[in-house]
Amino acid sequence: MGKQINRMVTLVQKYKSRAIRESGNELMLSLSDAKSLVEEAMAQGIAVTGIEGFRIRDGKVRPDLDMIAHFPADAYDSWQSRVSQSGRDALQFLDTLPQGDEGLCVIVGLRSEPE
């Protein structure tokens, strides 16, 4: 399982330079970068646990409660189905958000191994 954690850390580090902002260990990404992150996570066997949307206006970051999705572990039959389905669900959710909104960013929660 340690290899999966290393893959996740490497993946997050890859996207660190693309972050609009950082909040602790979480990266606030544009929608296009978030989609790329989700696709790479799926390819590496990493599950998406959730997405939180934020709006940046006048330098202030505000959560947008209409842009939250949660993909709980108990919604999937196996780890592999969680990885593939949570990724597809995340991509579908991201597609519902307003495209081209410069003030919109999201945090993508990831998990590299079963709970």
PDB file of N, CA and C in Angstrom:
ATOM      1  N   MET A   1       0.806  -1.194   0.000  1.00  0.00           N
ATOM      2  CA  MET A   1       0.000   0.000   0.000  1.00  0.00           C
ATOM      3  C   MET A   1       0.852   1.261   0.000  1.00  0.00           C
ATOM      4  N   GLY A   2       2.096   1.190   0.487  1.00  0.00           N
ATOM      5  CA  GLY A   2       2.967   2.346   0.535  1.00  0.00           C
ATOM      6  C   GLY A   2       3.230   2.944  -0.834  1.00  0.00           C
ATOM      7  N   LYS A   3       3.287   2.093  -1.857  1.00  0.00           N
ATOM      8  CA  LYS A   3       3.516   2.587  -3.215  1.00  0.00           C
ATOM      9  C   LYS A   3       2.366   3.476  -3.672  1.00  0.00           C
ATOM     10  N   GLN A   4       1.141   3.118  -3.302  1.00  0.00           N
ATOM     11  CA  GLN A   4      -0.020   3.922  -3.675  1.00  0.00           C
ATOM     12  C   GLN A   4       0.051   5.306  -3.027  1.00  0.00           C
ATOM     13  N   ILE A   5       0.459   5.347  -1.765  1.00  0.00           N
ATOM     14  CA  ILE A   5       0.587   6.635  -1.081  1.00  0.00           C
ATOM     15  C   ILE A   5       1.636   7.482  -1.784  1.00  0.00           C
ATOM     16  N   ASN A   6       2.760   6.868  -2.149  1.00  0.00           N
ATOM     17  CA  ASN A   6       3.799   7.607  -2.862  1.00  0.00           C
ATOM     18  C   ASN A   6       3.288   8.125  -4.200  1.00  0.00           C
ATOM     19  N   ARG A   7       2.492   7.329  -4.903  1.00  0.00           N
ATOM     20  CA  ARG A   7       1.923   7.784  -6.173  1.00  0.00           C
ATOM     21  C   ARG A   7       1.014   8.987  -5.959  1.00  0.00           C
ATOM     22  N   MET A   8       0.227   8.938  -4.900  1.00  0.00           N
ATOM     23  CA  MET A   8      -0.677  10.048  -4.632  1.00  0.00           C
ATOM     24  C   MET A   8       0.120  11.311  -4.294  1.00  0.00           C
ATOM     25  N   VAL A   9       1.138  11.187  -3.462  1.00  0.00           N
ATOM     26  CA  VAL A   9       1.974  12.336  -3.100  1.00  0.00           C
ATOM     27  C   VAL A   9       2.634  12.914  -4.348  1.00  0.00           C
ATOM     28  N   THR A  10       3.144  12.055  -5.211  1.00  0.00           N
ATOM     29  CA  THR A  10       3.771  12.503  -6.448  1.00  0.00           C
ATOM     30  C   THR A  10       2.767  13.219  -7.343  1.00  0.00           C
ATOM     31  N   LEU A  11       1.563  12.671  -7.434  1.00  0.00           N
ATOM     32  CA  LEU A  11       0.528  13.276  -8.258  1.00  0.00           C
ATOM     33  C   LEU A  11       0.150  14.663  -7.725  1.00  0.00           C
ATOM     34  N   VAL A  12      -0.039  14.786  -6.434  1.00  0.00           N
ATOM     35  CA  VAL A  12      -0.380  16.076  -5.839  1.00  0.00           C
ATOM     36  C   VAL A  12       0.758  17.073  -6.057  1.00  0.00           C
ATOM     37  N   GLN A  13       1.985  16.629  -5.897  1.00  0.00           N
ATOM     38  CA  GLN A  13       3.134  17.517  -6.128  1.00  0.00           C
ATOM     39  C   GLN A  13       3.167  18.021  -7.566  1.00  0.00           C
ATOM     40  N   LYS A  14       2.805  17.173  -8.504  1.00  0.00           N
ATOM     41  CA  LYS A  14       2.778  17.563  -9.917  1.00  0.00           C
ATOM     42  C   LYS A  14       1.824  18.731 -10.147  1.00  0.00           C
ATOM     43  N   TYR A  15       0.719  18.752  -9.433  1.00  0.00           N
ATOM     44  CA  TYR A  15      -0.300  19.785  -9.619  1.00  0.00           C
ATOM     45  C   TYR A  15      -0.089  21.004  -8.722  1.00  0.00           C
ATOM     46  N   LYS A  16       0.852  20.936  -7.820  1.00  0.00           N
ATOM     47  CA  LYS A  16       1.089  22.045  -6.887  1.00  0.00           C
ATOM     48  C   LYS A  16       1.403  23.344  -7.626  1.00  0.00           C
ATOM     49  N   SER A  17       2.173  23.255  -8.687  1.00  0.00           N
ATOM     50  CA  SER A  17       2.536  24.472  -9.428  1.00  0.00           C
ATOM     51  C   SER A  17       1.347  25.048 -10.201  1.00  0.00           C
ATOM     52  N   ARG A  18       0.311  24.247 -10.410  1.00  0.00           N
ATOM     53  CA  ARG A  18      -0.886  24.703 -11.122  1.00  0.00           C
ATOM     54  C   ARG A  18      -1.946  25.277 -10.193  1.00  0.00           C
ATOM     55  N   ALA A  19      -1.741  25.147  -8.896  1.00  0.00           N
ATOM     56  CA  ALA A  19      -2.749  25.573  -7.921  1.00  0.00           C
ATOM     57  C   ALA A  19      -2.988  27.073  -7.988  1.00  0.00           C
ATOM     58  N   ILE A  20      -4.251  27.443  -7.926  1.00  0.00           N
ATOM     59  CA  ILE A  20      -4.629  28.853  -7.838  1.00  0.00           C
ATOM     60  C   ILE A  20      -4.281  29.363  -6.440  1.00  0.00           C
ATOM     61  N   ARG A  21      -4.542  28.513  -5.474  1.00  0.00           N
ATOM     62  CA  ARG A  21      -4.206  28.765  -4.071  1.00  0.00           C
ATOM     63  C   ARG A  21      -3.985  27.418  -3.405  1.00  0.00           C
ATOM     64  N   GLU A  22      -3.313  27.479  -2.253  1.00  0.00           N
ATOM     65  CA  GLU A  22      -3.156  26.291  -1.423  1.00  0.00           C
ATOM     66  C   GLU A  22      -3.831  26.557  -0.090  1.00  0.00           C
ATOM     67  N   SER A  23      -4.475  25.529   0.413  1.00  0.00           N
ATOM     68  CA  SER A  23      -5.112  25.603   1.718  1.00  0.00           C
ATOM     69  C   SER A  23      -4.624  24.399   2.507  1.00  0.00           C
ATOM     70  N   GLY A  24      -3.626  24.601   3.332  1.00  0.00           N
ATOM     71  CA  GLY A  24      -3.008  23.473   4.026  1.00  0.00           C
ATOM     72  C   GLY A  24      -2.368  22.550   3.012  1.00  0.00           C
ATOM     73  N   ASN A  25      -2.761  21.282   3.030  1.00  0.00           N
ATOM     74  CA  ASN A  25      -2.257  20.306   2.068  1.00  0.00           C
ATOM     75  C   ASN A  25      -3.162  20.182   0.848  1.00  0.00           C
ATOM     76  N   GLU A  26      -4.172  21.030   0.753  1.00  0.00           N
ATOM     77  CA  GLU A  26      -5.133  20.935  -0.337  1.00  0.00           C
ATOM     78  C   GLU A  26      -4.844  22.000  -1.385  1.00  0.00           C
ATOM     79  N   LEU A  27      -5.041  21.616  -2.647  1.00  0.00           N
ATOM     80  CA  LEU A  27      -4.789  22.516  -3.759  1.00  0.00           C
ATOM     81  C   LEU A  27      -6.105  23.005  -4.340  1.00  0.00           C
ATOM     82  N   MET A  28      -6.237  24.296  -4.508  1.00  0.00           N
ATOM     83  CA  MET A  28      -7.390  24.867  -5.188  1.00  0.00           C
ATOM     84  C   MET A  28      -7.016  24.976  -6.661  1.00  0.00           C
ATOM     85  N   LEU A  29      -7.742  24.217  -7.484  1.00  0.00           N
ATOM     86  CA  LEU A  29      -7.414  24.106  -8.906  1.00  0.00           C
ATOM     87  C   LEU A  29      -8.524  24.667  -9.789  1.00  0.00           C
ATOM     88  N   SER A  30      -8.153  25.063 -11.001  1.00  0.00           N
ATOM     89  CA  SER A  30      -9.151  25.403 -12.007  1.00  0.00           C
ATOM     90  C   SER A  30      -9.914  24.131 -12.368  1.00  0.00           C
ATOM     91  N   LEU A  31     -11.055  24.275 -13.009  1.00  0.00           N
ATOM     92  CA  LEU A  31     -11.835  23.099 -13.410  1.00  0.00           C
ATOM     93  C   LEU A  31     -11.050  22.219 -14.363  1.00  0.00           C
ATOM     94  N   SER A  32     -10.340  22.799 -15.323  1.00  0.00           N
ATOM     95  CA  SER A  32      -9.602  21.980 -16.287  1.00  0.00           C
ATOM     96  C   SER A  32      -8.473  21.221 -15.599  1.00  0.00           C
ATOM     97  N   ASP A  33      -7.770  21.855 -14.665  1.00  0.00           N
ATOM     98  CA  ASP A  33      -6.716  21.138 -13.942  1.00  0.00           C
ATOM     99  C   ASP A  33      -7.307  20.074 -13.022  1.00  0.00           C
ATOM    100  N   ALA A  34      -8.465  20.350 -12.428  1.00  0.00           N
ATOM    101  CA  ALA A  34      -9.116  19.354 -11.575  1.00  0.00           C
ATOM    102  C   ALA A  34      -9.512  18.124 -12.391  1.00  0.00           C
ATOM    103  N   LYS A  35     -10.018  18.353 -13.599  1.00  0.00           N
ATOM    104  CA  LYS A  35     -10.384  17.218 -14.467  1.00  0.00           C
ATOM    105  C   LYS A  35      -9.155  16.392 -14.818  1.00  0.00           C
ATOM    106  N   SER A  36      -8.061  17.056 -15.126  1.00  0.00           N
ATOM    107  CA  SER A  36      -6.821  16.337 -15.442  1.00  0.00           C
ATOM    108  C   SER A  36      -6.330  15.542 -14.241  1.00  0.00           C
ATOM    109  N   LEU A  37      -6.414  16.138 -13.057  1.00  0.00           N
ATOM    110  CA  LEU A  37      -6.009  15.450 -11.829  1.00  0.00           C
ATOM    111  C   LEU A  37      -6.845  14.197 -11.618  1.00  0.00           C
ATOM    112  N   VAL A  38      -8.150  14.311 -11.779  1.00  0.00           N
ATOM    113  CA  VAL A  38      -9.049  13.158 -11.594  1.00  0.00           C
ATOM    114  C   VAL A  38      -8.712  12.056 -12.600  1.00  0.00           C
ATOM    115  N   GLU A  39      -8.495  12.410 -13.851  1.00  0.00           N
ATOM    116  CA  GLU A  39      -8.157  11.407 -14.871  1.00  0.00           C
ATOM    117  C   GLU A  39      -6.853  10.693 -14.535  1.00  0.00           C
ATOM    118  N   GLU A  40      -5.854  11.444 -14.095  1.00  0.00           N
ATOM    119  CA  GLU A  40      -4.585  10.815 -13.711  1.00  0.00           C
ATOM    120  C   GLU A  40      -4.734   9.953 -12.466  1.00  0.00           C
ATOM    121  N   ALA A  41      -5.535  10.409 -11.520  1.00  0.00           N
ATOM    122  CA  ALA A  41      -5.765   9.619 -10.305  1.00  0.00           C
ATOM    123  C   ALA A  41      -6.397   8.276 -10.652  1.00  0.00           C
ATOM    124  N   MET A  42      -7.402   8.302 -11.519  1.00  0.00           N
ATOM    125  CA  MET A  42      -8.053   7.058 -11.929  1.00  0.00           C
ATOM    126  C   MET A  42      -7.041   6.108 -12.572  1.00  0.00           C
ATOM    127  N   ALA A  43      -6.203   6.643 -13.431  1.00  0.00           N
ATOM    128  CA  ALA A  43      -5.213   5.822 -14.132  1.00  0.00           C
ATOM    129  C   ALA A  43      -4.200   5.206 -13.171  1.00  0.00           C
ATOM    130  N   GLN A  44      -4.008   5.845 -12.023  1.00  0.00           N
ATOM    131  CA  GLN A  44      -3.028   5.353 -11.050  1.00  0.00           C
ATOM    132  C   GLN A  44      -3.658   4.592  -9.894  1.00  0.00           C
ATOM    133  N   GLY A  45      -4.966   4.332  -9.987  1.00  0.00           N
ATOM    134  CA  GLY A  45      -5.624   3.550  -8.939  1.00  0.00           C
ATOM    135  C   GLY A  45      -5.917   4.338  -7.676  1.00  0.00           C
ATOM    136  N   ILE A  46      -6.109   5.645  -7.820  1.00  0.00           N
ATOM    137  CA  ILE A  46      -6.392   6.525  -6.685  1.00  0.00           C
ATOM    138  C   ILE A  46      -7.859   6.966  -6.777  1.00  0.00           C
ATOM    139  N   ALA A  47      -8.575   6.861  -5.665  1.00  0.00           N
ATOM    140  CA  ALA A  47     -10.003   7.203  -5.637  1.00  0.00           C
ATOM    141  C   ALA A  47     -10.213   8.682  -5.322  1.00  0.00           C
ATOM    142  N   VAL A  48     -11.334   9.207  -5.785  1.00  0.00           N
ATOM    143  CA  VAL A  48     -11.752  10.573  -5.449  1.00  0.00           C
ATOM    144  C   VAL A  48     -12.744  10.465  -4.299  1.00  0.00           C
ATOM    145  N   THR A  49     -12.486  11.210  -3.229  1.00  0.00           N
ATOM    146  CA  THR A  49     -13.364  11.167  -2.066  1.00  0.00           C
ATOM    147  C   THR A  49     -14.394  12.290  -2.070  1.00  0.00           C
ATOM    148  N   GLY A  50     -14.088  13.359  -2.788  1.00  0.00           N
ATOM    149  CA  GLY A  50     -15.029  14.463  -2.836  1.00  0.00           C
ATOM    150  C   GLY A  50     -14.458  15.666  -3.565  1.00  0.00           C
ATOM    151  N   ILE A  51     -15.327  16.638  -3.798  1.00  0.00           N
ATOM    152  CA  ILE A  51     -14.948  17.885  -4.449  1.00  0.00           C
ATOM    153  C   ILE A  51     -15.637  19.018  -3.703  1.00  0.00           C
ATOM    154  N   GLU A  52     -14.888  20.084  -3.452  1.00  0.00           N
ATOM    155  CA  GLU A  52     -15.439  21.277  -2.823  1.00  0.00           C
ATOM    156  C   GLU A  52     -15.162  22.455  -3.734  1.00  0.00           C
ATOM    157  N   GLY A  53     -16.197  23.224  -4.030  1.00  0.00           N
ATOM    158  CA  GLY A  53     -16.049  24.385  -4.893  1.00  0.00           C
ATOM    159  C   GLY A  53     -15.916  25.673  -4.106  1.00  0.00           C
ATOM    160  N   PHE A  54     -15.147  26.591  -4.654  1.00  0.00           N
ATOM    161  CA  PHE A  54     -14.908  27.888  -4.027  1.00  0.00           C
ATOM    162  C   PHE A  54     -14.991  28.985  -5.080  1.00  0.00           C
ATOM    163  N   ARG A  55     -15.293  30.175  -4.622  1.00  0.00           N
ATOM    164  CA  ARG A  55     -15.275  31.351  -5.493  1.00  0.00           C
ATOM    165  C   ARG A  55     -14.285  32.356  -4.909  1.00  0.00           C
ATOM    166  N   ILE A  56     -13.471  32.903  -5.777  1.00  0.00           N
ATOM    167  CA  ILE A  56     -12.524  33.932  -5.361  1.00  0.00           C
ATOM    168  C   ILE A  56     -12.998  35.248  -5.978  1.00  0.00           C
ATOM    169  N   ARG A  57     -13.317  36.194  -5.120  1.00  0.00           N
ATOM    170  CA  ARG A  57     -13.768  37.514  -5.547  1.00  0.00           C
ATOM    171  C   ARG A  57     -13.041  38.558  -4.705  1.00  0.00           C
ATOM    172  N   ASP A  58     -12.487  39.534  -5.343  1.00  0.00           N
ATOM    173  CA  ASP A  58     -11.777  40.615  -4.648  1.00  0.00           C
ATOM    174  C   ASP A  58     -10.736  40.070  -3.673  1.00  0.00           C
ATOM    175  N   GLY A  59     -10.059  38.994  -4.083  1.00  0.00           N
ATOM    176  CA  GLY A  59      -8.998  38.411  -3.267  1.00  0.00           C
ATOM    177  C   GLY A  59      -9.471  37.555  -2.105  1.00  0.00           C
ATOM    178  N   LYS A  60     -10.779  37.400  -1.948  1.00  0.00           N
ATOM    179  CA  LYS A  60     -11.323  36.606  -0.845  1.00  0.00           C
ATOM    180  C   LYS A  60     -11.842  35.276  -1.367  1.00  0.00           C
ATOM    181  N   VAL A  61     -11.553  34.230  -0.621  1.00  0.00           N
ATOM    182  CA  VAL A  61     -11.998  32.881  -0.980  1.00  0.00           C
ATOM    183  C   VAL A  61     -13.237  32.552  -0.161  1.00  0.00           C
ATOM    184  N   ARG A  62     -14.288  32.147  -0.883  1.00  0.00           N
ATOM    185  CA  ARG A  62     -15.535  31.777  -0.201  1.00  0.00           C
ATOM    186  C   ARG A  62     -16.003  30.411  -0.701  1.00  0.00           C
ATOM    187  N   PRO A  63     -16.359  29.529   0.217  1.00  0.00           N
ATOM    188  CA  PRO A  63     -16.906  28.237  -0.223  1.00  0.00           C
ATOM    189  C   PRO A  63     -18.256  28.445  -0.900  1.00  0.00           C
ATOM    190  N   ASP A  64     -18.536  27.616  -1.877  1.00  0.00           N
ATOM    191  CA  ASP A  64     -19.838  27.643  -2.548  1.00  0.00           C
ATOM    192  C   ASP A  64     -20.536  26.329  -2.225  1.00  0.00           C
ATOM    193  N   LEU A  65     -21.515  26.385  -1.359  1.00  0.00           N
ATOM    194  CA  LEU A  65     -22.172  25.176  -0.872  1.00  0.00           C
ATOM    195  C   LEU A  65     -22.964  24.438  -1.942  1.00  0.00           C
ATOM    196  N   ASP A  66     -23.189  25.083  -3.088  1.00  0.00           N
ATOM    197  CA  ASP A  66     -23.851  24.412  -4.204  1.00  0.00           C
ATOM    198  C   ASP A  66     -22.867  23.606  -5.052  1.00  0.00           C
ATOM    199  N   MET A  67     -21.605  23.703  -4.714  1.00  0.00           N
ATOM    200  CA  MET A  67     -20.576  23.009  -5.499  1.00  0.00           C
ATOM    201  C   MET A  67     -19.787  22.040  -4.618  1.00  0.00           C
ATOM    202  N   ILE A  68     -20.508  21.140  -3.986  1.00  0.00           N
ATOM    203  CA  ILE A  68     -19.881  20.122  -3.133  1.00  0.00           C
ATOM    204  C   ILE A  68     -20.402  18.755  -3.548  1.00  0.00           C
ATOM    205  N   ALA A  69     -19.488  17.831  -3.696  1.00  0.00           N
ATOM    206  CA  ALA A  69     -19.860  16.438  -3.996  1.00  0.00           C
ATOM    207  C   ALA A  69     -19.036  15.528  -3.094  1.00  0.00           C
ATOM    208  N   HIS A  70     -19.680  14.482  -2.603  1.00  0.00           N
ATOM    209  CA  HIS A  70     -19.024  13.524  -1.706  1.00  0.00           C
ATOM    210  C   HIS A  70     -19.196  12.132  -2.298  1.00  0.00           C
ATOM    211  N   PHE A  71     -18.108  11.386  -2.320  1.00  0.00           N
ATOM    212  CA  PHE A  71     -18.129  10.029  -2.868  1.00  0.00           C
ATOM    213  C   PHE A  71     -17.688   9.058  -1.763  1.00  0.00           C
ATOM    214  N   PRO A  72     -18.625   8.653  -0.886  1.00  0.00           N
ATOM    215  CA  PRO A  72     -18.281   7.829   0.275  1.00  0.00           C
ATOM    216  C   PRO A  72     -17.897   6.394  -0.089  1.00  0.00           C
ATOM    217  N   ALA A  73     -17.010   5.838   0.700  1.00  0.00           N
ATOM    218  CA  ALA A  73     -16.496   4.491   0.459  1.00  0.00           C
ATOM    219  C   ALA A  73     -17.595   3.445   0.404  1.00  0.00           C
ATOM    220  N   ASP A  74     -18.622   3.584   1.246  1.00  0.00           N
ATOM    221  CA  ASP A  74     -19.656   2.551   1.305  1.00  0.00           C
ATOM    222  C   ASP A  74     -20.598   2.559   0.100  1.00  0.00           C
ATOM    223  N   ALA A  75     -20.386   3.485  -0.818  1.00  0.00           N
ATOM    224  CA  ALA A  75     -21.214   3.525  -2.034  1.00  0.00           C
ATOM    225  C   ALA A  75     -20.677   2.590  -3.129  1.00  0.00           C
ATOM    226  N   TYR A  76     -19.553   1.936  -2.872  1.00  0.00           N
ATOM    227  CA  TYR A  76     -18.898   1.112  -3.899  1.00  0.00           C
ATOM    228  C   TYR A  76     -18.659  -0.298  -3.367  1.00  0.00           C
ATOM    229  N   ASP A  77     -18.704  -1.279  -4.273  1.00  0.00           N
ATOM    230  CA  ASP A  77     -18.561  -2.689  -3.896  1.00  0.00           C
ATOM    231  C   ASP A  77     -17.130  -3.096  -3.592  1.00  0.00           C
ATOM    232  N   SER A  78     -16.166  -2.473  -4.260  1.00  0.00           N
ATOM    233  CA  SER A  78     -14.761  -2.855  -4.091  1.00  0.00           C
ATOM    234  C   SER A  78     -13.893  -1.623  -4.284  1.00  0.00           C
ATOM    235  N   TRP A  79     -12.616  -1.784  -3.948  1.00  0.00           N
ATOM    236  CA  TRP A  79     -11.691  -0.668  -4.136  1.00  0.00           C
ATOM    237  C   TRP A  79     -11.619  -0.268  -5.607  1.00  0.00           C
ATOM    238  N   GLN A  80     -11.493  -1.228  -6.488  1.00  0.00           N
ATOM    239  CA  GLN A  80     -11.374  -0.907  -7.912  1.00  0.00           C
ATOM    240  C   GLN A  80     -12.630  -0.210  -8.443  1.00  0.00           C
ATOM    241  N   SER A  81     -13.804  -0.653  -7.994  1.00  0.00           N
ATOM    242  CA  SER A  81     -15.015   0.035  -8.447  1.00  0.00           C
ATOM    243  C   SER A  81     -15.080   1.444  -7.864  1.00  0.00           C
ATOM    244  N   ARG A  82     -14.568   1.616  -6.644  1.00  0.00           N
ATOM    245  CA  ARG A  82     -14.525   2.963  -6.059  1.00  0.00           C
ATOM    246  C   ARG A  82     -13.625   3.877  -6.884  1.00  0.00           C
ATOM    247  N   VAL A  83     -12.455   3.379  -7.259  1.00  0.00           N
ATOM    248  CA  VAL A  83     -11.523   4.185  -8.057  1.00  0.00           C
ATOM    249  C   VAL A  83     -12.170   4.604  -9.372  1.00  0.00           C
ATOM    250  N   SER A  84     -12.714   3.639 -10.106  1.00  0.00           N
ATOM    251  CA  SER A  84     -13.250   3.956 -11.434  1.00  0.00           C
ATOM    252  C   SER A  84     -14.547   4.760 -11.351  1.00  0.00           C
ATOM    253  N   GLN A  85     -15.470   4.368 -10.482  1.00  0.00           N
ATOM    254  CA  GLN A  85     -16.760   5.052 -10.426  1.00  0.00           C
ATOM    255  C   GLN A  85     -16.653   6.422  -9.773  1.00  0.00           C
ATOM    256  N   SER A  86     -15.854   6.544  -8.722  1.00  0.00           N
ATOM    257  CA  SER A  86     -15.721   7.872  -8.090  1.00  0.00           C
ATOM    258  C   SER A  86     -15.065   8.849  -9.060  1.00  0.00           C
ATOM    259  N   GLY A  87     -14.134   8.355  -9.858  1.00  0.00           N
ATOM    260  CA  GLY A  87     -13.515   9.208 -10.869  1.00  0.00           C
ATOM    261  C   GLY A  87     -14.516   9.658 -11.918  1.00  0.00           C
ATOM    262  N   ARG A  88     -15.317   8.717 -12.402  1.00  0.00           N
ATOM    263  CA  ARG A  88     -16.355   9.075 -13.391  1.00  0.00           C
ATOM    264  C   ARG A  88     -17.377  10.035 -12.788  1.00  0.00           C
ATOM    265  N   ASP A  89     -17.776   9.764 -11.536  1.00  0.00           N
ATOM    266  CA  ASP A  89     -18.730  10.653 -10.864  1.00  0.00           C
ATOM    267  C   ASP A  89     -18.139  12.055 -10.689  1.00  0.00           C
ATOM    268  N   ALA A  90     -16.863  12.122 -10.338  1.00  0.00           N
ATOM    269  CA  ALA A  90     -16.194  13.410 -10.154  1.00  0.00           C
ATOM    270  C   ALA A  90     -16.131  14.188 -11.468  1.00  0.00           C
ATOM    271  N   LEU A  91     -15.771  13.509 -12.550  1.00  0.00           N
ATOM    272  CA  LEU A  91     -15.707  14.181 -13.851  1.00  0.00           C
ATOM    273  C   LEU A  91     -17.085  14.685 -14.271  1.00  0.00           C
ATOM    274  N   GLN A  92     -18.100  13.870 -14.026  1.00  0.00           N
ATOM    275  CA  GLN A  92     -19.464  14.276 -14.359  1.00  0.00           C
ATOM    276  C   GLN A  92     -19.872  15.496 -13.527  1.00  0.00           C
ATOM    277  N   PHE A  93     -19.552  15.484 -12.240  1.00  0.00           N
ATOM    278  CA  PHE A  93     -19.866  16.623 -11.375  1.00  0.00           C
ATOM    279  C   PHE A  93     -19.144  17.881 -11.849  1.00  0.00           C
ATOM    280  N   LEU A  94     -17.858  17.757 -12.165  1.00  0.00           N
ATOM    281  CA  LEU A  94     -17.094  18.915 -12.636  1.00  0.00           C
ATOM    282  C   LEU A  94     -17.697  19.503 -13.911  1.00  0.00           C
ATOM    283  N   ASP A  95     -18.242  18.649 -14.755  1.00  0.00           N
ATOM    284  CA  ASP A  95     -18.870  19.124 -15.995  1.00  0.00           C
ATOM    285  C   ASP A  95     -20.145  19.933 -15.736  1.00  0.00           C
ATOM    286  N   THR A  96     -20.755  19.765 -14.557  1.00  0.00           N
ATOM    287  CA  THR A  96     -21.979  20.513 -14.248  1.00  0.00           C
ATOM    288  C   THR A  96     -21.678  21.924 -13.734  1.00  0.00           C
ATOM    289  N   LEU A  97     -20.430  22.185 -13.378  1.00  0.00           N
ATOM    290  CA  LEU A  97     -20.072  23.491 -12.817  1.00  0.00           C
ATOM    291  C   LEU A  97     -19.888  24.515 -13.933  1.00  0.00           C
ATOM    292  N   PRO A  98     -20.064  25.795 -13.623  1.00  0.00           N
ATOM    293  CA  PRO A  98     -19.955  26.845 -14.649  1.00  0.00           C
ATOM    294  C   PRO A  98     -18.557  26.875 -15.276  1.00  0.00           C
ATOM    295  N   GLN A  99     -18.473  26.550 -16.532  1.00  0.00           N
ATOM    296  CA  GLN A  99     -17.199  26.525 -17.241  1.00  0.00           C
ATOM    297  C   GLN A  99     -16.786  27.953 -17.596  1.00  0.00           C
ATOM    298  N   GLY A 100     -15.502  28.231 -17.539  1.00  0.00           N
ATOM    299  CA  GLY A 100     -14.993  29.539 -17.940  1.00  0.00           C
ATOM    300  C   GLY A 100     -15.119  30.625 -16.890  1.00  0.00           C
ATOM    301  N   ASP A 101     -15.511  30.277 -15.676  1.00  0.00           N
ATOM    302  CA  ASP A 101     -15.630  31.255 -14.593  1.00  0.00           C
ATOM    303  C   ASP A 101     -14.255  31.381 -13.938  1.00  0.00           C
ATOM    304  N   GLU A 102     -13.587  32.509 -14.175  1.00  0.00           N
ATOM    305  CA  GLU A 102     -12.225  32.717 -13.660  1.00  0.00           C
ATOM    306  C   GLU A 102     -12.156  32.672 -12.137  1.00  0.00           C
ATOM    307  N   GLY A 103     -13.221  33.030 -11.451  1.00  0.00           N
ATOM    308  CA  GLY A 103     -13.210  33.065 -10.000  1.00  0.00           C
ATOM    309  C   GLY A 103     -13.563  31.751  -9.338  1.00  0.00           C
ATOM    310  N   LEU A 104     -13.773  30.715 -10.142  1.00  0.00           N
ATOM    311  CA  LEU A 104     -14.173  29.415  -9.611  1.00  0.00           C
ATOM    312  C   LEU A 104     -12.957  28.498  -9.493  1.00  0.00           C
ATOM    313  N   CYS A 105     -12.830  27.842  -8.354  1.00  0.00           N
ATOM    314  CA  CYS A 105     -11.793  26.820  -8.204  1.00  0.00           C
ATOM    315  C   CYS A 105     -12.355  25.707  -7.322  1.00  0.00           C
ATOM    316  N   VAL A 106     -11.697  24.563  -7.369  1.00  0.00           N
ATOM    317  CA  VAL A 106     -12.169  23.409  -6.599  1.00  0.00           C
ATOM    318  C   VAL A 106     -10.996  22.718  -5.911  1.00  0.00           C
ATOM    319  N   ILE A 107     -11.321  22.044  -4.837  1.00  0.00           N
ATOM    320  CA  ILE A 107     -10.383  21.137  -4.172  1.00  0.00           C
ATOM    321  C   ILE A 107     -10.897  19.729  -4.431  1.00  0.00           C
ATOM    322  N   VAL A 108     -10.016  18.851  -4.878  1.00  0.00           N
ATOM    323  CA  VAL A 108     -10.361  17.456  -5.136  1.00  0.00           C
ATOM    324  C   VAL A 108      -9.737  16.616  -4.025  1.00  0.00           C
ATOM    325  N   GLY A 109     -10.586  15.912  -3.267  1.00  0.00           N
ATOM    326  CA  GLY A 109     -10.103  15.009  -2.241  1.00  0.00           C
ATOM    327  C   GLY A 109      -9.755  13.662  -2.848  1.00  0.00           C
ATOM    328  N   LEU A 110      -8.603  13.113  -2.446  1.00  0.00           N
ATOM    329  CA  LEU A 110      -8.122  11.843  -2.985  1.00  0.00           C
ATOM    330  C   LEU A 110      -7.822  10.853  -1.869  1.00  0.00           C
ATOM    331  N   ARG A 111      -7.903   9.580  -2.209  1.00  0.00           N
ATOM    332  CA  ARG A 111      -7.524   8.511  -1.269  1.00  0.00           C
ATOM    333  C   ARG A 111      -6.780   7.447  -2.053  1.00  0.00           C
ATOM    334  N   SER A 112      -5.641   7.027  -1.515  1.00  0.00           N
ATOM    335  CA  SER A 112      -4.784   6.109  -2.262  1.00  0.00           C
ATOM    336  C   SER A 112      -4.951   4.643  -1.889  1.00  0.00           C
ATOM    337  N   GLU A 113      -5.713   4.374  -0.841  1.00  0.00           N
ATOM    338  CA  GLU A 113      -5.905   2.973  -0.454  1.00  0.00           C
ATOM    339  C   GLU A 113      -7.217   2.808   0.301  1.00  0.00           C
ATOM    340  N   PRO A 114      -7.707   1.572   0.356  1.00  0.00           N
ATOM    341  CA  PRO A 114      -8.991   1.335   1.044  1.00  0.00           C
ATOM    342  C   PRO A 114      -8.940   1.728   2.516  1.00  0.00           C
ATOM    343  N   GLU A 115     -10.105   2.093   3.040  1.00  0.00           N
ATOM    344  CA  GLU A 115     -10.200   2.448   4.464  1.00  0.00           C
ATOM    345  C   GLU A 115     -10.297   1.212   5.309  1.00  0.00           C
TER     346      GLU A 115
END
